[in-house]
Amino acid sequence: MEHGQETMTIVDENGEEHVCEVIFTFDSEEFGKSYVLYHVLGEEDTDDDEEVEIHASAFVPSEDNEDGELMPIEDDAEWEMIEEMLNTFLAEEDEEDEEE
């Protein structure tokens, strides 16, 4: 699992661009795909009590090492696996925060 302060730009169904912060990425051997979890910057409220909406997509890298393509996740089994990965990631983040 990788995570950092990376950003990416996505284009929504209306053709509008949104800058997103990448929360983390991971690969799944079970599904043979890479995944990216992210949130849209500017979407969250400034109130710390508000939860940020986290989005997930399958990521297909392009052959020329340029930007890849985000694909929707439509399989319930994939969603369950992603949810498990997110919960594990968030638990690790909480442990790190408590140690500081």
PDB file of N, CA and C in Angstrom:
ATOM      1  N   MET A   1       0.830  -1.170   0.000  1.00  0.00           N
ATOM      2  CA  MET A   1       0.000   0.000   0.000  1.00  0.00           C
ATOM      3  C   MET A   1       0.881   1.243   0.000  1.00  0.00           C
ATOM      4  N   GLU A   2       0.518   2.185  -0.812  1.00  0.00           N
ATOM      5  CA  GLU A   2       1.264   3.440  -0.841  1.00  0.00           C
ATOM      6  C   GLU A   2       0.317   4.574  -0.500  1.00  0.00           C
ATOM      7  N   HIS A   3       0.855   5.569   0.208  1.00  0.00           N
ATOM      8  CA  HIS A   3       0.050   6.766   0.382  1.00  0.00           C
ATOM      9  C   HIS A   3       0.961   7.964   0.549  1.00  0.00           C
ATOM     10  N   GLY A   4       0.425   9.124   0.244  1.00  0.00           N
ATOM     11  CA  GLY A   4       1.214  10.337   0.309  1.00  0.00           C
ATOM     12  C   GLY A   4       0.333  11.518  -0.034  1.00  0.00           C
ATOM     13  N   GLN A   5       0.952  12.631  -0.361  1.00  0.00           N
ATOM     14  CA  GLN A   5       0.204  13.837  -0.667  1.00  0.00           C
ATOM     15  C   GLN A   5       0.127  14.057  -2.177  1.00  0.00           C
ATOM     16  N   GLU A   6      -0.147  13.030  -2.907  1.00  0.00           N
ATOM     17  CA  GLU A   6      -0.265  13.155  -4.355  1.00  0.00           C
ATOM     18  C   GLU A   6      -1.643  13.691  -4.720  1.00  0.00           C
ATOM     19  N   THR A   7      -1.695  14.395  -5.846  1.00  0.00           N
ATOM     20  CA  THR A   7      -2.988  14.839  -6.359  1.00  0.00           C
ATOM     21  C   THR A   7      -3.147  14.337  -7.785  1.00  0.00           C
ATOM     22  N   MET A   8      -4.382  14.304  -8.223  1.00  0.00           N
ATOM     23  CA  MET A   8      -4.684  13.958  -9.605  1.00  0.00           C
ATOM     24  C   MET A   8      -5.899  14.772 -10.002  1.00  0.00           C
ATOM     25  N   THR A   9      -6.094  14.932 -11.282  1.00  0.00           N
ATOM     26  CA  THR A   9      -7.246  15.664 -11.788  1.00  0.00           C
ATOM     27  C   THR A   9      -8.178  14.678 -12.476  1.00  0.00           C
ATOM     28  N   ILE A  10      -9.445  14.739 -12.108  1.00  0.00           N
ATOM     29  CA  ILE A  10     -10.438  13.889 -12.767  1.00  0.00           C
ATOM     30  C   ILE A  10     -11.424  14.788 -13.496  1.00  0.00           C
ATOM     31  N   VAL A  11     -12.048  14.242 -14.507  1.00  0.00           N
ATOM     32  CA  VAL A  11     -13.082  14.961 -15.253  1.00  0.00           C
ATOM     33  C   VAL A  11     -14.393  14.221 -15.008  1.00  0.00           C
ATOM     34  N   ASP A  12     -15.393  14.945 -14.512  1.00  0.00           N
ATOM     35  CA  ASP A  12     -16.663  14.297 -14.212  1.00  0.00           C
ATOM     36  C   ASP A  12     -17.529  14.153 -15.464  1.00  0.00           C
ATOM     37  N   GLU A  13     -18.733  13.611 -15.267  1.00  0.00           N
ATOM     38  CA  GLU A  13     -19.624  13.360 -16.407  1.00  0.00           C
ATOM     39  C   GLU A  13     -20.078  14.642 -17.092  1.00  0.00           C
ATOM     40  N   ASN A  14     -19.907  15.787 -16.430  1.00  0.00           N
ATOM     41  CA  ASN A  14     -20.277  17.071 -17.026  1.00  0.00           C
ATOM     42  C   ASN A  14     -19.094  17.753 -17.711  1.00  0.00           C
ATOM     43  N   GLY A  15     -17.948  17.074 -17.737  1.00  0.00           N
ATOM     44  CA  GLY A  15     -16.761  17.646 -18.369  1.00  0.00           C
ATOM     45  C   GLY A  15     -16.005  18.620 -17.478  1.00  0.00           C
ATOM     46  N   GLU A  16     -16.397  18.710 -16.199  1.00  0.00           N
ATOM     47  CA  GLU A  16     -15.718  19.607 -15.268  1.00  0.00           C
ATOM     48  C   GLU A  16     -14.537  18.899 -14.624  1.00  0.00           C
ATOM     49  N   GLU A  17     -13.420  19.633 -14.471  1.00  0.00           N
ATOM     50  CA  GLU A  17     -12.228  19.073 -13.852  1.00  0.00           C
ATOM     51  C   GLU A  17     -12.262  19.309 -12.341  1.00  0.00           C
ATOM     52  N   HIS A  18     -11.809  18.313 -11.599  1.00  0.00           N
ATOM     53  CA  HIS A  18     -11.721  18.407 -10.142  1.00  0.00           C
ATOM     54  C   HIS A  18     -10.346  17.901  -9.720  1.00  0.00           C
ATOM     55  N   VAL A  19      -9.687  18.654  -8.847  1.00  0.00           N
ATOM     56  CA  VAL A  19      -8.408  18.207  -8.299  1.00  0.00           C
ATOM     57  C   VAL A  19      -8.714  17.348  -7.081  1.00  0.00           C
ATOM     58  N   CYS A  20      -8.094  16.174  -7.041  1.00  0.00           N
ATOM     59  CA  CYS A  20      -8.338  15.220  -5.966  1.00  0.00           C
ATOM     60  C   CYS A  20      -7.034  14.883  -5.262  1.00  0.00           C
ATOM     61  N   GLU A  21      -7.127  14.632  -3.962  1.00  0.00           N
ATOM     62  CA  GLU A  21      -5.971  14.145  -3.214  1.00  0.00           C
ATOM     63  C   GLU A  21      -6.053  12.632  -3.166  1.00  0.00           C
ATOM     64  N   VAL A  22      -4.966  11.987  -3.562  1.00  0.00           N
ATOM     65  CA  VAL A  22      -4.892  10.531  -3.507  1.00  0.00           C
ATOM     66  C   VAL A  22      -4.673  10.135  -2.051  1.00  0.00           C
ATOM     67  N   ILE A  23      -5.550   9.310  -1.519  1.00  0.00           N
ATOM     68  CA  ILE A  23      -5.426   8.853  -0.138  1.00  0.00           C
ATOM     69  C   ILE A  23      -4.444   7.684  -0.098  1.00  0.00           C
ATOM     70  N   PHE A  24      -4.690   6.678  -0.907  1.00  0.00           N
ATOM     71  CA  PHE A  24      -3.714   5.608  -1.087  1.00  0.00           C
ATOM     72  C   PHE A  24      -4.074   4.771  -2.298  1.00  0.00           C
ATOM     73  N   THR A  25      -3.098   4.021  -2.748  1.00  0.00           N
ATOM     74  CA  THR A  25      -3.284   3.119  -3.884  1.00  0.00           C
ATOM     75  C   THR A  25      -2.845   1.723  -3.459  1.00  0.00           C
ATOM     76  N   PHE A  26      -3.400   0.718  -4.110  1.00  0.00           N
ATOM     77  CA  PHE A  26      -2.984  -0.653  -3.846  1.00  0.00           C
ATOM     78  C   PHE A  26      -3.339  -1.528  -5.042  1.00  0.00           C
ATOM     79  N   ASP A  27      -2.703  -2.689  -5.096  1.00  0.00           N
ATOM     80  CA  ASP A  27      -2.963  -3.671  -6.151  1.00  0.00           C
ATOM     81  C   ASP A  27      -3.674  -4.865  -5.545  1.00  0.00           C
ATOM     82  N   SER A  28      -4.543  -5.479  -6.319  1.00  0.00           N
ATOM     83  CA  SER A  28      -5.231  -6.693  -5.888  1.00  0.00           C
ATOM     84  C   SER A  28      -4.895  -7.820  -6.845  1.00  0.00           C
ATOM     85  N   GLU A  29      -4.210  -8.845  -6.318  1.00  0.00           N
ATOM     86  CA  GLU A  29      -3.932 -10.023  -7.148  1.00  0.00           C
ATOM     87  C   GLU A  29      -5.222 -10.779  -7.433  1.00  0.00           C
ATOM     88  N   GLU A  30      -6.132 -10.779  -6.450  1.00  0.00           N
ATOM     89  CA  GLU A  30      -7.406 -11.493  -6.597  1.00  0.00           C
ATOM     90  C   GLU A  30      -8.192 -10.994  -7.809  1.00  0.00           C
ATOM     91  N   PHE A  31      -8.225  -9.673  -7.997  1.00  0.00           N
ATOM     92  CA  PHE A  31      -8.990  -9.103  -9.103  1.00  0.00           C
ATOM     93  C   PHE A  31      -8.100  -8.680 -10.270  1.00  0.00           C
ATOM     94  N   GLY A  32      -6.780  -8.728 -10.083  1.00  0.00           N
ATOM     95  CA  GLY A  32      -5.852  -8.378 -11.157  1.00  0.00           C
ATOM     96  C   GLY A  32      -5.928  -6.919 -11.564  1.00  0.00           C
ATOM     97  N   LYS A  33      -6.185  -6.051 -10.585  1.00  0.00           N
ATOM     98  CA  LYS A  33      -6.338  -4.623 -10.870  1.00  0.00           C
ATOM     99  C   LYS A  33      -5.588  -3.798  -9.833  1.00  0.00           C
ATOM    100  N   SER A  34      -5.365  -2.546 -10.195  1.00  0.00           N
ATOM    101  CA  SER A  34      -4.865  -1.559  -9.251  1.00  0.00           C
ATOM    102  C   SER A  34      -6.035  -0.656  -8.876  1.00  0.00           C
ATOM    103  N   TYR A  35      -5.991  -0.128  -7.657  1.00  0.00           N
ATOM    104  CA  TYR A  35      -7.071   0.720  -7.181  1.00  0.00           C
ATOM    105  C   TYR A  35      -6.499   2.003  -6.599  1.00  0.00           C
ATOM    106  N   VAL A  36      -7.281   3.058  -6.690  1.00  0.00           N
ATOM    107  CA  VAL A  36      -6.911   4.336  -6.088  1.00  0.00           C
ATOM    108  C   VAL A  36      -8.101   4.835  -5.275  1.00  0.00           C
ATOM    109  N   LEU A  37      -7.823   5.248  -4.039  1.00  0.00           N
ATOM    110  CA  LEU A  37      -8.842   5.861  -3.190  1.00  0.00           C
ATOM    111  C   LEU A  37      -8.475   7.330  -3.044  1.00  0.00           C
ATOM    112  N   TYR A  38      -9.458   8.201  -3.202  1.00  0.00           N
ATOM    113  CA  TYR A  38      -9.178   9.636  -3.254  1.00  0.00           C
ATOM    114  C   TYR A  38     -10.380  10.437  -2.777  1.00  0.00           C
ATOM    115  N   HIS A  39     -10.127  11.707  -2.501  1.00  0.00           N
ATOM    116  CA  HIS A  39     -11.243  12.619  -2.226  1.00  0.00           C
ATOM    117  C   HIS A  39     -11.017  13.897  -3.015  1.00  0.00           C
ATOM    118  N   VAL A  40     -12.130  14.537  -3.352  1.00  0.00           N
ATOM    119  CA  VAL A  40     -12.085  15.758  -4.156  1.00  0.00           C
ATOM    120  C   VAL A  40     -11.709  16.914  -3.230  1.00  0.00           C
ATOM    121  N   LEU A  41     -10.636  17.630  -3.579  1.00  0.00           N
ATOM    122  CA  LEU A  41     -10.220  18.778  -2.784  1.00  0.00           C
ATOM    123  C   LEU A  41     -11.256  19.886  -2.917  1.00  0.00           C
ATOM    124  N   GLY A  42     -11.515  20.562  -1.810  1.00  0.00           N
ATOM    125  CA  GLY A  42     -12.519  21.614  -1.814  1.00  0.00           C
ATOM    126  C   GLY A  42     -13.914  21.080  -1.556  1.00  0.00           C
ATOM    127  N   GLU A  43     -14.075  19.764  -1.582  1.00  0.00           N
ATOM    128  CA  GLU A  43     -15.385  19.154  -1.348  1.00  0.00           C
ATOM    129  C   GLU A  43     -15.693  19.076   0.139  1.00  0.00           C
ATOM    130  N   GLU A  44     -14.654  18.955   0.961  1.00  0.00           N
ATOM    131  CA  GLU A  44     -14.856  18.787   2.394  1.00  0.00           C
ATOM    132  C   GLU A  44     -15.122  20.131   3.058  1.00  0.00           C
ATOM    133  N   ASP A  45     -15.855  20.089   4.145  1.00  0.00           N
ATOM    134  CA  ASP A  45     -16.079  21.296   4.938  1.00  0.00           C
ATOM    135  C   ASP A  45     -14.847  21.546   5.790  1.00  0.00           C
ATOM    136  N   THR A  46     -14.715  22.765   6.288  1.00  0.00           N
ATOM    137  CA  THR A  46     -13.560  23.088   7.121  1.00  0.00           C
ATOM    138  C   THR A  46     -13.740  22.563   8.538  1.00  0.00           C
ATOM    139  N   ASP A  47     -14.940  22.156   8.902  1.00  0.00           N
ATOM    140  CA  ASP A  47     -15.215  21.604  10.223  1.00  0.00           C
ATOM    141  C   ASP A  47     -14.570  20.227  10.337  1.00  0.00           C
ATOM    142  N   ASP A  48     -13.725  20.043  11.345  1.00  0.00           N
ATOM    143  CA  ASP A  48     -13.000  18.775  11.505  1.00  0.00           C
ATOM    144  C   ASP A  48     -13.926  17.597  11.794  1.00  0.00           C
ATOM    145  N   ASP A  49     -15.136  17.870  12.265  1.00  0.00           N
ATOM    146  CA  ASP A  49     -16.057  16.785  12.588  1.00  0.00           C
ATOM    147  C   ASP A  49     -16.708  16.192  11.341  1.00  0.00           C
ATOM    148  N   GLU A  50     -16.657  16.907  10.230  1.00  0.00           N
ATOM    149  CA  GLU A  50     -17.265  16.417   8.998  1.00  0.00           C
ATOM    150  C   GLU A  50     -16.392  15.343   8.373  1.00  0.00           C
ATOM    151  N   GLU A  51     -17.010  14.273   7.914  1.00  0.00           N
ATOM    152  CA  GLU A  51     -16.256  13.228   7.241  1.00  0.00           C
ATOM    153  C   GLU A  51     -16.111  13.567   5.768  1.00  0.00           C
ATOM    154  N   VAL A  52     -14.960  13.232   5.228  1.00  0.00           N
ATOM    155  CA  VAL A  52     -14.682  13.467   3.823  1.00  0.00           C
ATOM    156  C   VAL A  52     -15.238  12.294   3.026  1.00  0.00           C
ATOM    157  N   GLU A  53     -15.876  12.588   1.907  1.00  0.00           N
ATOM    158  CA  GLU A  53     -16.381  11.511   1.051  1.00  0.00           C
ATOM    159  C   GLU A  53     -15.213  10.915   0.274  1.00  0.00           C
ATOM    160  N   ILE A  54     -14.999   9.626   0.477  1.00  0.00           N
ATOM    161  CA  ILE A  54     -13.886   8.941  -0.182  1.00  0.00           C
ATOM    162  C   ILE A  54     -14.417   8.204  -1.400  1.00  0.00           C
ATOM    163  N   HIS A  55     -13.755   8.403  -2.525  1.00  0.00           N
ATOM    164  CA  HIS A  55     -14.121   7.742  -3.769  1.00  0.00           C
ATOM    165  C   HIS A  55     -13.091   6.655  -4.069  1.00  0.00           C
ATOM    166  N   ALA A  56     -13.505   5.633  -4.786  1.00  0.00           N
ATOM    167  CA  ALA A  56     -12.599   4.567  -5.184  1.00  0.00           C
ATOM    168  C   ALA A  56     -12.827   4.246  -6.654  1.00  0.00           C
ATOM    169  N   SER A  57     -11.731   3.972  -7.354  1.00  0.00           N
ATOM    170  CA  SER A  57     -11.813   3.578  -8.756  1.00  0.00           C
ATOM    171  C   SER A  57     -10.735   2.550  -9.038  1.00  0.00           C
ATOM    172  N   ALA A  58     -10.995   1.720 -10.026  1.00  0.00           N
ATOM    173  CA  ALA A  58      -9.938   0.857 -10.544  1.00  0.00           C
ATOM    174  C   ALA A  58      -9.072   1.742 -11.438  1.00  0.00           C
ATOM    175  N   PHE A  59      -7.780   1.476 -11.436  1.00  0.00           N
ATOM    176  CA  PHE A  59      -6.848   2.297 -12.204  1.00  0.00           C
ATOM    177  C   PHE A  59      -6.178   1.430 -13.258  1.00  0.00           C
ATOM    178  N   VAL A  60      -6.279   1.857 -14.496  1.00  0.00           N
ATOM    179  CA  VAL A  60      -5.644   1.135 -15.603  1.00  0.00           C
ATOM    180  C   VAL A  60      -4.547   2.033 -16.160  1.00  0.00           C
ATOM    181  N   PRO A  61      -3.257   1.693 -15.894  1.00  0.00           N
ATOM    182  CA  PRO A  61      -2.184   2.545 -16.423  1.00  0.00           C
ATOM    183  C   PRO A  61      -2.136   2.466 -17.938  1.00  0.00           C
ATOM    184  N   SER A  62      -1.751   3.572 -18.551  1.00  0.00           N
ATOM    185  CA  SER A  62      -1.622   3.560 -19.999  1.00  0.00           C
ATOM    186  C   SER A  62      -0.261   2.978 -20.367  1.00  0.00           C
ATOM    187  N   GLU A  63      -0.144   2.502 -21.578  1.00  0.00           N
ATOM    188  CA  GLU A  63       1.079   1.822 -22.005  1.00  0.00           C
ATOM    189  C   GLU A  63       2.261   2.770 -22.134  1.00  0.00           C
ATOM    190  N   ASP A  64       2.009   4.063 -22.348  1.00  0.00           N
ATOM    191  CA  ASP A  64       3.114   5.003 -22.544  1.00  0.00           C
ATOM    192  C   ASP A  64       3.545   5.685 -21.241  1.00  0.00           C
ATOM    193  N   ASN A  65       3.113   5.126 -20.090  1.00  0.00           N
ATOM    194  CA  ASN A  65       3.475   5.640 -18.767  1.00  0.00           C
ATOM    195  C   ASN A  65       2.974   7.058 -18.509  1.00  0.00           C
ATOM    196  N   GLU A  66       2.068   7.533 -19.338  1.00  0.00           N
ATOM    197  CA  GLU A  66       1.413   8.808 -19.078  1.00  0.00           C
ATOM    198  C   GLU A  66       0.262   8.535 -18.107  1.00  0.00           C
ATOM    199  N   ASP A  67      -0.659   9.454 -18.040  1.00  0.00           N
ATOM    200  CA  ASP A  67      -1.812   9.257 -17.164  1.00  0.00           C
ATOM    201  C   ASP A  67      -2.572   8.004 -17.578  1.00  0.00           C
ATOM    202  N   GLY A  68      -3.067   7.295 -16.585  1.00  0.00           N
ATOM    203  CA  GLY A  68      -3.871   6.118 -16.873  1.00  0.00           C
ATOM    204  C   GLY A  68      -5.339   6.492 -16.902  1.00  0.00           C
ATOM    205  N   GLU A  69      -6.168   5.483 -16.794  1.00  0.00           N
ATOM    206  CA  GLU A  69      -7.608   5.697 -16.869  1.00  0.00           C
ATOM    207  C   GLU A  69      -8.261   5.143 -15.614  1.00  0.00           C
ATOM    208  N   LEU A  70      -9.191   5.893 -15.040  1.00  0.00           N
ATOM    209  CA  LEU A  70      -9.958   5.421 -13.896  1.00  0.00           C
ATOM    210  C   LEU A  70     -11.216   4.734 -14.404  1.00  0.00           C
ATOM    211  N   MET A  71     -11.476   3.571 -13.847  1.00  0.00           N
ATOM    212  CA  MET A  71     -12.640   2.788 -14.256  1.00  0.00           C
ATOM    213  C   MET A  71     -13.567   2.618 -13.057  1.00  0.00           C
ATOM    214  N   PRO A  72     -14.875   2.657 -13.273  1.00  0.00           N
ATOM    215  CA  PRO A  72     -15.805   2.459 -12.154  1.00  0.00           C
ATOM    216  C   PRO A  72     -15.729   1.035 -11.628  1.00  0.00           C
ATOM    217  N   ILE A  73     -16.049   0.880 -10.366  1.00  0.00           N
ATOM    218  CA  ILE A  73     -16.074  -0.444  -9.731  1.00  0.00           C
ATOM    219  C   ILE A  73     -17.529  -0.864  -9.659  1.00  0.00           C
ATOM    220  N   GLU A  74     -17.842  -1.989 -10.271  1.00  0.00           N
ATOM    221  CA  GLU A  74     -19.237  -2.409 -10.370  1.00  0.00           C
ATOM    222  C   GLU A  74     -19.510  -3.755  -9.710  1.00  0.00           C
ATOM    223  N   ASP A  75     -18.495  -4.364  -9.136  1.00  0.00           N
ATOM    224  CA  ASP A  75     -18.626  -5.689  -8.545  1.00  0.00           C
ATOM    225  C   ASP A  75     -18.695  -5.558  -7.018  1.00  0.00           C
ATOM    226  N   ASP A  76     -19.718  -6.152  -6.412  1.00  0.00           N
ATOM    227  CA  ASP A  76     -19.876  -6.083  -4.953  1.00  0.00           C
ATOM    228  C   ASP A  76     -18.680  -6.687  -4.224  1.00  0.00           C
ATOM    229  N   ALA A  77     -18.100  -7.750  -4.752  1.00  0.00           N
ATOM    230  CA  ALA A  77     -16.941  -8.377  -4.111  1.00  0.00           C
ATOM    231  C   ALA A  77     -15.754  -7.416  -4.101  1.00  0.00           C
ATOM    232  N   GLU A  78     -15.584  -6.664  -5.177  1.00  0.00           N
ATOM    233  CA  GLU A  78     -14.509  -5.659  -5.222  1.00  0.00           C
ATOM    234  C   GLU A  78     -14.752  -4.577  -4.178  1.00  0.00           C
ATOM    235  N   TRP A  79     -16.005  -4.106  -4.062  1.00  0.00           N
ATOM    236  CA  TRP A  79     -16.328  -3.080  -3.072  1.00  0.00           C
ATOM    237  C   TRP A  79     -16.017  -3.567  -1.668  1.00  0.00           C
ATOM    238  N   GLU A  80     -16.352  -4.822  -1.370  1.00  0.00           N
ATOM    239  CA  GLU A  80     -16.072  -5.379  -0.038  1.00  0.00           C
ATOM    240  C   GLU A  80     -14.574  -5.411   0.229  1.00  0.00           C
ATOM    241  N   MET A  81     -13.784  -5.822  -0.758  1.00  0.00           N
ATOM    242  CA  MET A  81     -12.341  -5.877  -0.611  1.00  0.00           C
ATOM    243  C   MET A  81     -11.784  -4.461  -0.408  1.00  0.00           C
ATOM    244  N   ILE A  82     -12.284  -3.481  -1.165  1.00  0.00           N
ATOM    245  CA  ILE A  82     -11.827  -2.092  -1.041  1.00  0.00           C
ATOM    246  C   ILE A  82     -12.170  -1.549   0.345  1.00  0.00           C
ATOM    247  N   GLU A  83     -13.363  -1.859   0.824  1.00  0.00           N
ATOM    248  CA  GLU A  83     -13.778  -1.405   2.149  1.00  0.00           C
ATOM    249  C   GLU A  83     -12.860  -1.966   3.227  1.00  0.00           C
ATOM    250  N   GLU A  84     -12.492  -3.252   3.102  1.00  0.00           N
ATOM    251  CA  GLU A  84     -11.554  -3.859   4.046  1.00  0.00           C
ATOM    252  C   GLU A  84     -10.201  -3.163   4.011  1.00  0.00           C
ATOM    253  N   MET A  85      -9.704  -2.881   2.808  1.00  0.00           N
ATOM    254  CA  MET A  85      -8.416  -2.197   2.667  1.00  0.00           C
ATOM    255  C   MET A  85      -8.488  -0.804   3.289  1.00  0.00           C
ATOM    256  N   LEU A  86      -9.582  -0.087   3.064  1.00  0.00           N
ATOM    257  CA  LEU A  86      -9.740   1.252   3.624  1.00  0.00           C
ATOM    258  C   LEU A  86      -9.782   1.193   5.146  1.00  0.00           C
ATOM    259  N   ASN A  87     -10.540   0.253   5.700  1.00  0.00           N
ATOM    260  CA  ASN A  87     -10.621   0.133   7.157  1.00  0.00           C
ATOM    261  C   ASN A  87      -9.260  -0.183   7.761  1.00  0.00           C
ATOM    262  N   THR A  88      -8.490  -1.053   7.105  1.00  0.00           N
ATOM    263  CA  THR A  88      -7.137  -1.376   7.570  1.00  0.00           C
ATOM    264  C   THR A  88      -6.256  -0.138   7.516  1.00  0.00           C
ATOM    265  N   PHE A  89      -6.330   0.601   6.402  1.00  0.00           N
ATOM    266  CA  PHE A  89      -5.536   1.815   6.239  1.00  0.00           C
ATOM    267  C   PHE A  89      -5.883   2.827   7.324  1.00  0.00           C
ATOM    268  N   LEU A  90      -7.180   3.059   7.562  1.00  0.00           N
ATOM    269  CA  LEU A  90      -7.610   4.041   8.557  1.00  0.00           C
ATOM    270  C   LEU A  90      -7.186   3.622   9.960  1.00  0.00           C
ATOM    271  N   ALA A  91      -7.238   2.322  10.256  1.00  0.00           N
ATOM    272  CA  ALA A  91      -6.802   1.833  11.567  1.00  0.00           C
ATOM    273  C   ALA A  91      -5.300   2.083  11.753  1.00  0.00           C
ATOM    274  N   GLU A  92      -4.507   1.858  10.700  1.00  0.00           N
ATOM    275  CA  GLU A  92      -3.066   2.117  10.776  1.00  0.00           C
ATOM    276  C   GLU A  92      -2.795   3.605  10.965  1.00  0.00           C
ATOM    277  N   GLU A  93      -3.564   4.461  10.277  1.00  0.00           N
ATOM    278  CA  GLU A  93      -3.407   5.906  10.428  1.00  0.00           C
ATOM    279  C   GLU A  93      -3.708   6.335  11.862  1.00  0.00           C
ATOM    280  N   ASP A  94      -4.781   5.769  12.455  1.00  0.00           N
ATOM    281  CA  ASP A  94      -5.137   6.104  13.834  1.00  0.00           C
ATOM    282  C   ASP A  94      -4.024   5.703  14.792  1.00  0.00           C
ATOM    283  N   GLU A  95      -3.412   4.519  14.577  1.00  0.00           N
ATOM    284  CA  GLU A  95      -2.311   4.080  15.417  1.00  0.00           C
ATOM    285  C   GLU A  95      -1.133   5.023  15.310  1.00  0.00           C
ATOM    286  N   GLU A  96      -0.810   5.463  14.105  1.00  0.00           N
ATOM    287  CA  GLU A  96       0.296   6.401  13.910  1.00  0.00           C
ATOM    288  C   GLU A  96       0.013   7.719  14.612  1.00  0.00           C
ATOM    289  N   ASP A  97      -1.224   8.203  14.531  1.00  0.00           N
ATOM    290  CA  ASP A  97      -1.584   9.462  15.165  1.00  0.00           C
ATOM    291  C   ASP A  97      -1.470   9.366  16.685  1.00  0.00           C
ATOM    292  N   GLU A  98      -1.846   8.203  17.255  1.00  0.00           N
ATOM    293  CA  GLU A  98      -1.775   8.010  18.690  1.00  0.00           C
ATOM    294  C   GLU A  98      -0.326   7.954  19.177  1.00  0.00           C
ATOM    295  N   GLU A  99       0.592   7.451  18.335  1.00  0.00           N
ATOM    296  CA  GLU A  99       1.997   7.328  18.724  1.00  0.00           C
ATOM    297  C   GLU A  99       2.691   8.678  18.730  1.00  0.00           C
ATOM    298  N   GLU A 100       2.190   9.641  17.982  1.00  0.00           N
ATOM    299  CA  GLU A 100       2.855  10.954  17.891  1.00  0.00           C
ATOM    300  C   GLU A 100       2.586  11.831  19.081  1.00  0.00           C
TER     301      GLU A 100
END
